[in-house]
Structures are given as C-alpha cells and as structure tokens.
C-alpha atoms as a PDB file:
ATOM      1  CA  UNK A   1     -90.403 -58.117 -27.461  1.00  0.00           C
ATOM      2  CA  UNK A   2     -93.348 -57.018 -30.001  1.00  0.00           C
ATOM      3  CA  UNK A   3     -95.872 -59.066 -28.806  1.00  0.00           C
ATOM      4  CA  UNK A   4     -95.782 -57.625 -25.110  1.00  0.00           C
ATOM      5  CA  UNK A   5     -94.394 -53.947 -26.363  1.00  0.00           C
ATOM      6  CA  UNK A   6     -95.177 -53.453 -29.603  1.00  0.00           C
ATOM      7  CA  UNK A   7     -98.121 -51.607 -31.785  1.00  0.00           C
ATOM      8  CA  UNK A   8     -99.683 -52.876 -34.869  1.00  0.00           C
ATOM      9  CA  UNK A   9    -100.325 -50.184 -37.375  1.00  0.00           C
ATOM     10  CA  UNK A  10    -104.123 -50.846 -36.595  1.00  0.00           C
ATOM     11  CA  UNK A  11    -103.865 -50.278 -33.592  1.00  0.00           C
ATOM     12  CA  UNK A  12    -102.221 -47.403 -32.999  1.00  0.00           C
ATOM     13  CA  UNK A  13    -104.223 -44.649 -32.237  1.00  0.00           C
ATOM     14  CA  UNK A  14    -103.204 -40.568 -32.181  1.00  0.00           C
ATOM     15  CA  UNK A  15    -102.504 -41.294 -27.984  1.00  0.00           C
ATOM     16  CA  UNK A  16    -100.635 -44.836 -28.790  1.00  0.00           C
ATOM     17  CA  UNK A  17     -98.763 -44.513 -31.989  1.00  0.00           C
ATOM     18  CA  UNK A  18     -97.778 -47.509 -33.860  1.00  0.00           C
ATOM     19  CA  UNK A  19     -94.297 -49.154 -32.454  1.00  0.00           C
ATOM     20  CA  UNK A  20     -92.088 -51.833 -33.618  1.00  0.00           C
ATOM     21  CA  UNK A  21     -89.433 -52.921 -31.270  1.00  0.00           C
ATOM     22  CA  UNK A  22     -85.552 -54.423 -31.829  1.00  0.00           C
ATOM     23  CA  UNK A  23     -83.696 -56.520 -29.978  1.00  0.00           C
ATOM     24  CA  UNK A  24     -83.007 -55.368 -26.112  1.00  0.00           C
ATOM     25  CA  UNK A  25     -81.519 -56.660 -23.260  1.00  0.00           C
ATOM     26  CA  UNK A  26     -82.986 -56.205 -19.487  1.00  0.00           C
ATOM     27  CA  UNK A  27     -81.116 -56.451 -16.363  1.00  0.00           C
ATOM     28  CA  UNK A  28     -82.849 -57.992 -13.439  1.00  0.00           C
ATOM     29  CA  UNK A  29     -81.364 -58.358  -9.646  1.00  0.00           C
ATOM     30  CA  UNK A  30     -83.042 -60.462  -6.863  1.00  0.00           C
ATOM     31  CA  UNK A  31     -82.306 -61.131  -3.076  1.00  0.00           C
ATOM     32  CA  UNK A  32     -84.376 -63.925  -0.940  1.00  0.00           C
ATOM     33  CA  UNK A  33     -84.290 -64.098   2.455  1.00  0.00           C
ATOM     34  CA  UNK A  34     -85.359 -67.218   4.435  1.00  0.00           C
ATOM     35  CA  UNK A  35     -85.938 -68.368   8.077  1.00  0.00           C
ATOM     36  CA  UNK A  36     -86.765 -70.939   9.259  1.00  0.00           C
ATOM     37  CA  UNK A  37     -88.151 -71.066  12.951  1.00  0.00           C
ATOM     38  CA  UNK A  38     -89.075 -74.835  12.825  1.00  0.00           C
ATOM     39  CA  UNK A  39     -88.166 -77.980  11.159  1.00  0.00           C
ATOM     40  CA  UNK A  40     -90.614 -78.298   8.289  1.00  0.00           C
ATOM     41  CA  UNK A  41     -91.783 -74.188   8.292  1.00  0.00           C
ATOM     42  CA  UNK A  42     -90.194 -71.632   6.562  1.00  0.00           C
ATOM     43  CA  UNK A  43     -90.874 -67.964   6.131  1.00  0.00           C
ATOM     44  CA  UNK A  44     -89.455 -65.535   3.265  1.00  0.00           C
ATOM     45  CA  UNK A  45     -89.242 -62.215   1.910  1.00  0.00           C
ATOM     46  CA  UNK A  46     -88.049 -61.972  -1.984  1.00  0.00           C
ATOM     47  CA  UNK A  47     -87.111 -58.919  -3.474  1.00  0.00           C
ATOM     48  CA  UNK A  48     -86.359 -57.886  -7.064  1.00  0.00           C
ATOM     49  CA  UNK A  49     -85.990 -55.256  -9.507  1.00  0.00           C
ATOM     50  CA  UNK A  50     -85.723 -55.250 -13.438  1.00  0.00           C
ATOM     51  CA  UNK A  51     -84.201 -52.440 -15.311  1.00  0.00           C
ATOM     52  CA  UNK A  52     -86.245 -52.883 -19.695  1.00  0.00           C
ATOM     53  CA  UNK A  53     -83.885 -52.729 -22.031  1.00  0.00           C
ATOM     54  CA  UNK A  54     -83.565 -49.633 -25.107  1.00  0.00           C
ATOM     55  CA  UNK A  55     -86.583 -50.804 -26.659  1.00  0.00           C
ATOM     56  CA  UNK A  56     -88.921 -51.594 -24.206  1.00  0.00           C
ATOM     57  CA  UNK A  57     -88.393 -48.185 -22.651  1.00  0.00           C
ATOM     58  CA  UNK A  58     -89.143 -46.677 -26.555  1.00  0.00           C
ATOM     59  CA  UNK A  59     -92.752 -48.450 -26.554  1.00  0.00           C
ATOM     60  CA  UNK A  60     -95.589 -45.989 -25.841  1.00  0.00           C
ATOM     61  CA  UNK A  61     -97.364 -48.665 -23.589  1.00  0.00           C
ATOM     62  CA  UNK A  62     -94.701 -48.537 -20.958  1.00  0.00           C
ATOM     63  CA  UNK A  63     -94.717 -46.218 -18.822  1.00  0.00           C
ATOM     64  CA  UNK A  64     -91.790 -46.505 -16.169  1.00  0.00           C
ATOM     65  CA  UNK A  65     -88.760 -47.703 -17.529  1.00  0.00           C
ATOM     66  CA  UNK A  66     -87.612 -50.365 -13.614  1.00  0.00           C
ATOM     67  CA  UNK A  67     -89.768 -52.740 -12.617  1.00  0.00           C
ATOM     68  CA  UNK A  68     -89.771 -53.827  -8.965  1.00  0.00           C
ATOM     69  CA  UNK A  69     -91.252 -56.761  -6.558  1.00  0.00           C
ATOM     70  CA  UNK A  70     -91.936 -57.496  -2.718  1.00  0.00           C
ATOM     71  CA  UNK A  71     -93.161 -60.980  -1.941  1.00  0.00           C
ATOM     72  CA  UNK A  72     -93.688 -62.817   1.149  1.00  0.00           C
ATOM     73  CA  UNK A  73     -94.100 -66.244   1.889  1.00  0.00           C
ATOM     74  CA  UNK A  74     -94.864 -69.015   3.970  1.00  0.00           C
ATOM     75  CA  UNK A  75     -93.528 -72.363   3.362  1.00  0.00           C
ATOM     76  CA  UNK A  76     -94.305 -76.195   4.719  1.00  0.00           C
ATOM     77  CA  UNK A  77     -92.640 -78.714   4.272  1.00  0.00           C
ATOM     78  CA  UNK A  78     -93.793 -82.460   4.310  1.00  0.00           C
END
C-alpha cells in the first residue's frame, strides 16, 4: 500500500503531506460479455469498477475513491 499510495517525509511538500497507510480492503467487480460470430472469432466487452479501501482514500495522491474500466477486444483462435 505504501509503495503506490504512501508519501515519505522526504517526498512531502506543502500540497502533498507525508502519509503512511495501514492495511486495507478494496472491492472489485467486473463483467465480461462475449459474442462469437463464427467458430474461431470472438468479440468481447469488459466492464469493471473498483472501490478503494480507507487507507487509499486517505492518501494525498488519490483524487477519486473509485476506478472504472471499459475494454473492447477481438480474439482469433488458431
């Protein structure tokens, strides 16, 4: 947690105070939809959302408490 969201005293500034977080729990949910128009071809859509735990929300490096993702792809099976 500290590696990505912590701020060491040597890195602190007036706009970014020092911060050391504790353990945390994050909730991550996702959904994948897949369509196969032919035997070897597939199209897929991935949608996911993550809600950060308390230690990450309190970090001065984080602006939002949720993170969302949408991805679209094509897969050809050999």
